[in-house]
């Protein structure tokens, strides 16, 4: 499960007007329309199965939920899963969202995209699809995705999307295993004609908890993001680091050292956004209606079946914590880059047991923390 942030959850951007009084504007909603999936990716939060999850929304419930989204601003809706194409009414839901003037993107894994449903994706109004490619070859990609043929299927699906005129981006999860192959993965994305390449820093949750040896260290994290900062200068393709909030600190540190002003003219939308948007500009809605800061932080912030979604977005106690700098513990609370980073709350939760704790994979020592030594 990786989102076309639009990611989260990697997204195509549009203008985001201010939210209604009393709540920050919601920029992105990643909606797990089904938990059903035909793959078994090693890093996924979900337990894969081909059947719908008990308690998934029926069509009428799903449409009623969509009707509440505009009350939070003008969010981009990421139709994700599981595998969204396994939901029989997916295009009916997309058309309904489009009728409410909501921008829609989709995160299929590519293997179920056909010539026919690629045209449906286009005609229903999906602005972009994200397809995950985690290695430049079939053997390594298929091993990570858990199903032989996943690589070939993803490439085939991309060709169908291209033929239908649907914009797509490539998402790549960063692990120790594929770090050395980044340039090859990028070259593949470029050769395929991707509109963007988004790298995702692994969050150890769900099945990813078992990937301990694949999780990069804080030092490697810093090296990857510095490499990414330099690499983005070599291409006109849009590159984005997701689930990597310290990239926005590194970007400012490097730009300052180079005498470059961080602005939309020099860094595009990256200059206008914050690292971790969970609970501040982004949220995740599970297949059974649980609202979370993101798909990787299994934190019950309310259920849309019990509480209207706009009310959850406005007043969830956990979301209010994420919006208050004083709630952040340790170095994340005193960091001079807090406003543009925030640390990954999901990694803090899964690796230290407290979602407001310092980001465990951050190698930076804030000035105030250094003074207190």
Protein backbone atom coordinates (compact mmCIF):
# COMPACT_ATOMS: atom_id res chain seq x y z
CA UNK A 1 0.00 0.00 0.00
CA UNK A 2 1.66 3.14 -1.24
CA UNK A 3 -0.17 6.24 -2.21
CA UNK A 4 0.21 8.49 -5.20
CA UNK A 5 1.20 11.49 -3.22
CA UNK A 6 -0.38 13.02 -4.44
CA UNK A 7 1.09 9.56 0.44
CA UNK A 8 0.54 9.83 2.29
CA UNK A 9 0.48 8.95 2.11
CA UNK A 10 3.37 11.10 -2.99
CA UNK A 11 0.57 13.19 -4.47
CA UNK A 12 -0.44 15.24 -7.47
CA UNK A 13 -1.07 18.69 -6.01
CA UNK A 14 -3.79 21.21 -6.63
CA UNK A 15 -4.73 24.39 -4.82
CA UNK A 16 -5.85 23.73 -1.25
CA UNK A 17 -8.17 26.41 0.10
CA UNK A 18 -8.38 27.00 3.82
CA UNK A 19 -10.54 24.54 5.72
CA UNK A 20 -13.79 25.49 7.42
CA UNK A 21 -13.53 27.57 10.57
CA UNK A 22 -11.95 25.69 13.44
CA UNK A 23 -10.05 23.09 11.43
CA UNK A 24 -6.91 23.07 9.28
CA UNK A 25 -7.53 22.33 5.61
CA UNK A 26 -7.37 18.63 4.80
CA UNK A 27 -5.16 18.23 1.75
CA UNK A 28 -5.20 14.44 1.27
CA UNK A 29 -7.36 11.51 2.29
CA UNK A 30 -5.96 8.02 1.71
CA UNK A 31 -9.04 5.81 1.70
CA UNK A 32 -8.60 2.05 1.98
CA UNK A 33 -11.69 1.15 -0.03
CA UNK A 34 -10.95 -2.55 0.42
CA UNK A 35 -8.46 -4.72 2.30
CA UNK A 36 -8.63 -7.37 -0.45
CA UNK A 37 -5.37 -7.77 -2.38
CA UNK A 38 -3.75 -10.19 -4.80
CA UNK A 39 -0.20 -9.56 -3.52
CA UNK A 40 1.51 -10.18 -0.17
CA UNK A 41 4.04 -7.35 0.04
CA UNK A 42 6.58 -7.72 2.81
CA UNK A 43 6.14 -4.17 4.12
CA UNK A 44 2.34 -3.85 4.01
CA UNK A 45 0.19 -2.92 7.00
CA UNK A 46 -2.56 -5.26 5.80
CA UNK A 47 -2.88 -9.02 5.91
CA UNK A 48 -3.54 -9.88 2.30
CA UNK A 49 -6.59 -11.88 1.20
CA UNK A 50 -8.61 -11.94 -1.99
CA UNK A 51 -11.97 -11.52 -0.28
CA UNK A 52 -13.47 -8.28 1.08
CA UNK A 53 -12.72 -7.61 4.74
CA UNK A 54 -15.71 -8.14 7.09
CA UNK A 55 -17.35 -4.78 7.68
CA UNK A 56 -16.19 -3.02 4.51
CA UNK A 57 -18.49 -0.23 3.38
CA UNK A 58 -21.24 -0.99 0.90
CA UNK A 59 -21.78 1.38 -2.04
CA UNK A 60 -24.38 3.56 -0.29
CA UNK A 61 -22.23 3.94 2.84
CA UNK A 62 -19.16 4.75 0.77
CA UNK A 63 -21.01 7.43 -1.21
CA UNK A 64 -22.39 8.96 1.99
CA UNK A 65 -18.83 9.16 3.36
CA UNK A 66 -17.62 10.85 0.16
CA UNK A 67 -20.38 13.44 0.60
CA UNK A 68 -18.77 14.57 3.88
CA UNK A 69 -15.28 15.10 2.43
CA UNK A 70 -15.91 18.62 1.02
CA UNK A 71 -16.79 19.82 4.53
CA UNK A 72 -13.07 19.51 5.41
CA UNK A 73 -11.79 21.64 2.51
CA UNK A 74 -10.90 20.39 -0.96
CA UNK A 75 -8.89 17.23 -0.32
CA UNK A 76 -7.40 14.94 -2.94
CA UNK A 77 -8.88 11.46 -2.52
CA UNK A 78 -6.42 8.58 -2.83
CA UNK A 79 -8.34 5.38 -3.60
CA UNK A 80 -6.08 2.74 -2.13
CA UNK A 81 -6.21 -0.68 -0.51
CA UNK A 82 -5.47 -3.53 -0.49
CA UNK A 83 -5.98 -3.45 -4.21
CA UNK A 84 -8.68 -0.91 -5.13
CA UNK A 85 -9.41 -2.62 -8.45
CA UNK A 86 -10.74 -5.63 -6.51
CA UNK A 87 -13.67 -3.51 -5.34
CA UNK A 88 -16.52 -4.05 -7.87
CA UNK A 89 -18.01 -0.55 -7.48
CA UNK A 90 -14.69 1.34 -7.51
CA UNK A 91 -15.47 3.38 -10.62
CA UNK A 92 -18.92 4.26 -9.34
CA UNK A 93 -17.27 5.65 -6.19
CA UNK A 94 -14.67 7.60 -8.19
CA UNK A 95 -17.36 9.14 -10.38
CA UNK A 96 -19.32 10.09 -7.27
CA UNK A 97 -16.26 11.80 -5.78
CA UNK A 98 -15.65 13.63 -9.05
CA UNK A 99 -19.28 14.82 -8.99
CA UNK A 100 -18.43 16.48 -5.66
CA UNK A 101 -15.51 18.32 -7.33
CA UNK A 102 -12.89 16.20 -5.57
CA UNK A 103 -9.60 15.37 -7.29
CA UNK A 104 -9.11 11.60 -7.39
CA UNK A 105 -5.98 9.46 -7.69
CA UNK A 106 -5.53 5.71 -7.31
CA UNK A 107 -2.90 3.33 -5.95
CA UNK A 108 -3.29 -0.03 -7.73
CA UNK A 109 -0.34 -2.43 -7.79
CA UNK A 110 -0.58 -2.59 -11.58
CA UNK A 111 -0.98 -6.34 -11.96
CA UNK A 112 -4.76 -6.16 -12.36
CA UNK A 113 -4.76 -3.24 -14.79
CA UNK A 114 -6.13 -4.28 -18.18
CA UNK A 115 -6.72 -2.41 -21.42
CA UNK A 116 -10.42 -2.22 -20.51
CA UNK A 117 -10.17 -1.03 -16.91
CA UNK A 118 -7.36 1.39 -17.80
CA UNK A 119 -9.92 3.19 -19.99
CA UNK A 120 -12.40 3.03 -17.10
CA UNK A 121 -9.78 4.56 -14.78
CA UNK A 122 -9.40 7.41 -17.28
CA UNK A 123 -13.11 7.88 -17.96
CA UNK A 124 -14.10 7.78 -14.27
CA UNK A 125 -11.78 10.73 -13.66
CA UNK A 126 -8.64 9.36 -11.98
CA UNK A 127 -5.95 12.03 -12.43
CA UNK A 128 -2.97 9.78 -11.68
CA UNK A 129 -2.12 6.22 -10.66
CA UNK A 130 0.87 5.18 -8.58
CA UNK A 131 2.57 1.87 -9.34
CA UNK A 132 5.20 0.48 -6.98
CA UNK A 133 8.51 -0.74 -8.41
CA UNK A 134 11.04 -1.75 -5.75
CA UNK A 135 13.81 -3.18 -7.89
CA UNK A 136 15.04 -2.84 -11.48
CA UNK A 137 14.51 -6.56 -12.08
CA UNK A 138 11.79 -9.15 -11.65
CA UNK A 139 13.54 -11.44 -9.17
CA UNK A 140 14.12 -8.79 -6.49
CA UNK A 141 10.82 -6.96 -7.03
CA UNK A 142 8.79 -10.19 -6.91
CA UNK A 143 10.57 -11.32 -3.74
CA UNK A 144 9.58 -8.06 -2.02
CA UNK A 145 6.02 -8.11 -3.36
CA UNK A 146 5.50 -11.75 -2.39
CA UNK A 147 4.12 -13.05 -5.70
CA UNK A 148 6.01 -14.32 -8.78
CA UNK A 149 5.12 -12.28 -11.85
CA UNK A 150 4.40 -9.07 -9.90
CA UNK A 151 7.14 -7.14 -11.77
CA UNK A 152 5.99 -8.25 -15.19
CA UNK A 153 2.38 -7.55 -14.20
CA UNK A 154 3.19 -4.04 -12.99
CA UNK A 155 5.03 -3.20 -16.23
CA UNK A 156 2.15 -4.60 -18.27
CA UNK A 157 -0.32 -2.53 -16.26
CA UNK A 158 1.77 0.59 -16.83
CA UNK A 159 1.65 0.04 -20.59
CA UNK A 160 -2.15 -0.22 -20.44
CA UNK A 161 -2.33 3.03 -18.45
CA UNK A 162 -0.06 4.74 -20.97
CA UNK A 163 -2.19 3.51 -23.88
CA UNK A 164 -5.30 4.90 -22.16
CA UNK A 165 -3.59 8.24 -21.53
CA UNK A 166 -3.56 7.90 -17.72
CA UNK A 167 -0.69 9.68 -15.94
CA UNK A 168 1.31 7.46 -13.59
CA UNK A 169 4.12 7.71 -11.07
CA UNK A 170 6.55 5.11 -9.75
CA UNK A 171 6.81 4.54 -5.98
CA UNK A 172 9.82 2.79 -4.45
CA UNK A 173 10.19 1.60 -0.85
CA UNK A 174 13.74 2.17 0.41
CA UNK A 175 15.39 -0.85 2.02
CA UNK A 176 18.98 -1.94 2.57
CA UNK A 177 18.48 -4.40 -0.27
CA UNK A 178 17.65 -1.88 -3.00
CA UNK A 179 19.57 1.26 -1.97
CA UNK A 180 22.43 0.42 -4.33
CA UNK A 181 19.99 0.07 -7.24
CA UNK A 182 18.32 3.45 -6.98
CA UNK A 183 19.78 4.85 -10.17
CA UNK A 184 18.66 1.78 -12.11
CA UNK A 185 15.14 2.04 -10.65
CA UNK A 186 15.02 5.72 -11.58
CA UNK A 187 16.24 4.97 -15.12
CA UNK A 188 13.47 2.40 -15.44
CA UNK A 189 10.88 4.95 -14.24
CA UNK A 190 12.26 7.45 -16.74
CA UNK A 191 12.24 4.94 -19.60
CA UNK A 192 8.64 4.00 -18.79
CA UNK A 193 7.58 7.64 -19.01
CA UNK A 194 6.59 8.16 -15.36
CA UNK A 195 5.40 11.64 -14.37
CA UNK A 196 7.16 11.30 -11.01
CA UNK A 197 9.33 9.04 -8.87
CA UNK A 198 8.53 8.93 -5.16
CA UNK A 199 10.74 7.12 -2.65
CA UNK A 200 9.18 5.81 0.58
CA UNK A 201 11.26 5.30 3.70
CA UNK A 202 10.13 2.02 5.24
CA UNK A 203 7.85 2.24 8.27
CA UNK A 204 8.10 -0.98 10.32
CA UNK A 205 4.44 -1.83 10.81
CA UNK A 206 2.20 -4.77 9.83
CA UNK A 207 4.31 -7.38 8.02
CA UNK A 208 7.17 -4.84 7.80
CA UNK A 209 7.90 -5.47 11.50
CA UNK A 210 9.51 -8.71 10.33
CA UNK A 211 11.83 -6.78 8.00
CA UNK A 212 14.24 -5.68 10.73
CA UNK A 213 17.33 -6.43 8.66
CA UNK A 214 15.97 -4.37 5.76
CA UNK A 215 15.34 -1.19 7.78
CA UNK A 216 18.08 1.33 7.12
CA UNK A 217 19.90 3.04 9.98
CA UNK A 218 19.59 6.73 10.88
CA UNK A 219 22.97 7.37 9.24
CA UNK A 220 21.93 5.57 6.04
CA UNK A 221 18.66 7.50 6.11
CA UNK A 222 20.64 10.76 6.15
CA UNK A 223 22.88 9.54 3.32
CA UNK A 224 19.94 8.47 1.14
CA UNK A 225 18.15 11.79 1.56
CA UNK A 226 21.29 13.80 0.82
CA UNK A 227 21.83 11.67 -2.28
CA UNK A 228 18.21 12.29 -3.24
CA UNK A 229 18.65 16.04 -2.80
CA UNK A 230 21.60 16.01 -5.21
CA UNK A 231 19.99 13.57 -7.65
CA UNK A 232 16.87 15.70 -8.10
CA UNK A 233 19.05 18.36 -9.78
CA UNK A 234 19.91 15.92 -12.58
CA UNK A 235 16.38 15.38 -13.89
CA UNK A 236 13.28 17.32 -14.83
CA UNK A 237 11.09 14.50 -13.49
CA UNK A 238 9.29 15.32 -10.25
CA UNK A 239 10.98 13.52 -7.35
CA UNK A 240 9.53 13.30 -3.87
CA UNK A 241 10.62 11.67 -0.60
CA UNK A 242 7.65 10.30 1.36
CA UNK A 243 7.55 9.02 4.95
CA UNK A 244 10.86 10.88 5.10
CA UNK A 245 10.10 14.07 7.00
CA UNK A 246 13.74 14.95 7.64
CA UNK A 247 14.20 15.47 3.89
CA UNK A 248 12.55 18.85 4.41
CA UNK A 249 15.16 19.71 7.04
CA UNK A 250 18.00 18.46 4.81
CA UNK A 251 16.61 20.42 1.87
CA UNK A 252 16.79 23.65 3.88
CA UNK A 253 20.22 22.89 5.33
CA UNK A 254 21.66 22.14 1.90
CA UNK A 255 19.92 25.07 0.21
CA UNK A 256 21.25 27.47 2.85
CA UNK A 257 24.79 26.16 2.39
CA UNK A 258 24.42 26.66 -1.37
CA UNK A 259 22.94 30.13 -1.02
CA UNK A 260 19.65 29.01 -2.56
CA UNK A 261 16.28 30.31 -1.37
CA UNK A 262 13.73 27.61 -0.60
CA UNK A 263 10.70 28.72 -2.60
CA UNK A 264 8.21 27.20 -5.06
CA UNK A 265 10.42 28.56 -7.85
CA UNK A 266 13.41 26.50 -6.69
CA UNK A 267 11.81 23.47 -5.01
CA UNK A 268 8.23 23.39 -6.34
CA UNK A 269 5.58 22.11 -3.93
CA UNK A 270 8.27 20.66 -1.65
CA UNK A 271 8.90 24.23 -0.49
CA UNK A 272 5.27 24.57 0.56
CA UNK A 273 4.69 21.35 2.45
CA UNK A 274 5.71 19.77 5.74
CA UNK A 275 7.43 16.43 6.23
CA UNK A 276 4.86 14.52 8.26
CA UNK A 277 1.32 15.55 7.33
CA UNK A 278 -0.42 12.91 9.47
CA UNK A 279 -3.24 14.60 11.39
CA UNK A 280 -2.24 18.04 10.10
CA UNK A 281 -2.99 17.91 6.37
CA UNK A 282 -3.47 14.21 5.70
CA UNK A 283 -5.34 11.26 7.16
CA UNK A 284 -6.12 7.64 6.40
CA UNK A 285 -9.54 5.95 6.54
CA UNK A 286 -9.45 2.18 6.90
CA UNK A 287 -11.68 -0.32 5.12
CA UNK A 288 -13.96 -0.44 8.18
CA UNK A 289 -14.07 3.33 8.78
CA UNK A 290 -11.31 3.85 11.35
CA UNK A 291 -9.60 7.22 10.91
CA UNK A 292 -5.83 7.28 11.47
CA UNK A 293 -3.04 9.86 11.01
CA UNK A 294 -1.67 7.62 8.24
CA UNK A 295 -1.90 4.02 7.11
CA UNK A 296 1.26 3.09 8.99
CA UNK A 297 0.14 4.41 12.37
CA UNK A 298 -2.62 2.12 13.63
CA UNK A 299 -4.12 4.68 15.99
CA UNK A 300 -7.89 4.85 16.44
CA UNK A 301 -8.76 8.53 16.08
CA UNK A 302 -12.46 7.84 15.63
CA UNK A 303 -14.72 5.83 13.34
CA UNK A 304 -16.80 7.49 10.64
CA UNK A 305 -19.65 5.06 11.36
CA UNK A 306 -19.97 6.56 14.84
CA UNK A 307 -18.73 10.14 14.42
CA UNK A 308 -19.06 12.34 11.31
CA UNK A 309 -15.75 12.43 9.49
CA UNK A 310 -15.41 16.26 9.53
CA UNK A 311 -15.86 16.19 13.31
CA UNK A 312 -13.08 13.62 13.66
CA UNK A 313 -10.79 15.73 11.49
CA UNK A 314 -11.60 18.85 13.48
CA UNK A 315 -11.40 17.56 17.02
CA UNK A 316 -9.77 14.12 17.35
CA UNK A 317 -7.60 14.33 20.52
CA UNK A 318 -4.72 12.64 18.72
CA UNK A 319 -4.93 15.02 15.74
CA UNK A 320 -4.96 17.97 18.13
CA UNK A 321 -1.73 16.59 19.63
CA UNK A 322 -0.07 16.42 16.21
CA UNK A 323 -1.02 20.06 15.61
CA UNK A 324 0.54 21.28 18.88
CA UNK A 325 4.34 21.61 18.94
CA UNK A 326 4.32 21.47 22.76
CA UNK A 327 3.08 17.88 22.63
CA UNK A 328 6.21 16.59 20.88
CA UNK A 329 8.76 14.93 23.16
CA UNK A 330 12.55 15.04 23.24
CA UNK A 331 14.49 16.58 20.42
CA UNK A 332 11.48 16.70 18.06
CA UNK A 333 9.84 19.16 20.45
CA UNK A 334 12.77 21.59 20.52
CA UNK A 335 14.05 21.16 16.97
CA UNK A 336 14.36 24.34 14.95
CA UNK A 337 13.11 22.36 11.92
CA UNK A 338 9.99 21.09 13.67
CA UNK A 339 7.63 23.18 11.55
CA UNK A 340 8.90 21.64 8.30
CA UNK A 341 9.66 18.12 9.57
CA UNK A 342 7.79 16.81 12.61
CA UNK A 343 9.45 13.40 12.50
CA UNK A 344 7.64 10.21 11.49
CA UNK A 345 5.01 9.56 14.15
CA UNK A 346 4.48 5.98 12.91
CA UNK A 347 8.14 5.05 13.34
CA UNK A 348 8.15 6.71 16.78
CA UNK A 349 5.17 4.55 17.73
CA UNK A 350 6.37 1.22 16.37
CA UNK A 351 10.04 1.59 17.37
CA UNK A 352 9.73 3.35 20.74
CA UNK A 353 6.13 2.74 21.79
CA UNK A 354 5.08 6.43 21.92
CA UNK A 355 3.77 8.20 18.85
CA UNK A 356 4.85 11.60 20.22
CA UNK A 357 8.41 10.42 20.93
CA UNK A 358 11.41 11.64 18.92
CA UNK A 359 11.79 10.18 15.42
CA UNK A 360 14.01 7.12 16.05
CA UNK A 361 15.73 7.25 12.65
CA UNK A 362 16.82 10.89 12.79
CA UNK A 363 20.57 11.52 13.04
CA UNK A 364 20.24 15.28 13.58
CA UNK A 365 20.86 17.03 16.92
CA UNK A 366 18.84 20.25 17.22
CA UNK A 367 20.65 23.37 18.41
CA UNK A 368 18.64 23.51 21.65
CA UNK A 369 19.26 19.85 22.40
CA UNK A 370 22.99 20.36 21.82
CA UNK A 371 22.99 23.32 24.23
CA UNK A 372 21.48 21.14 26.96
CA UNK A 373 24.26 18.55 26.84
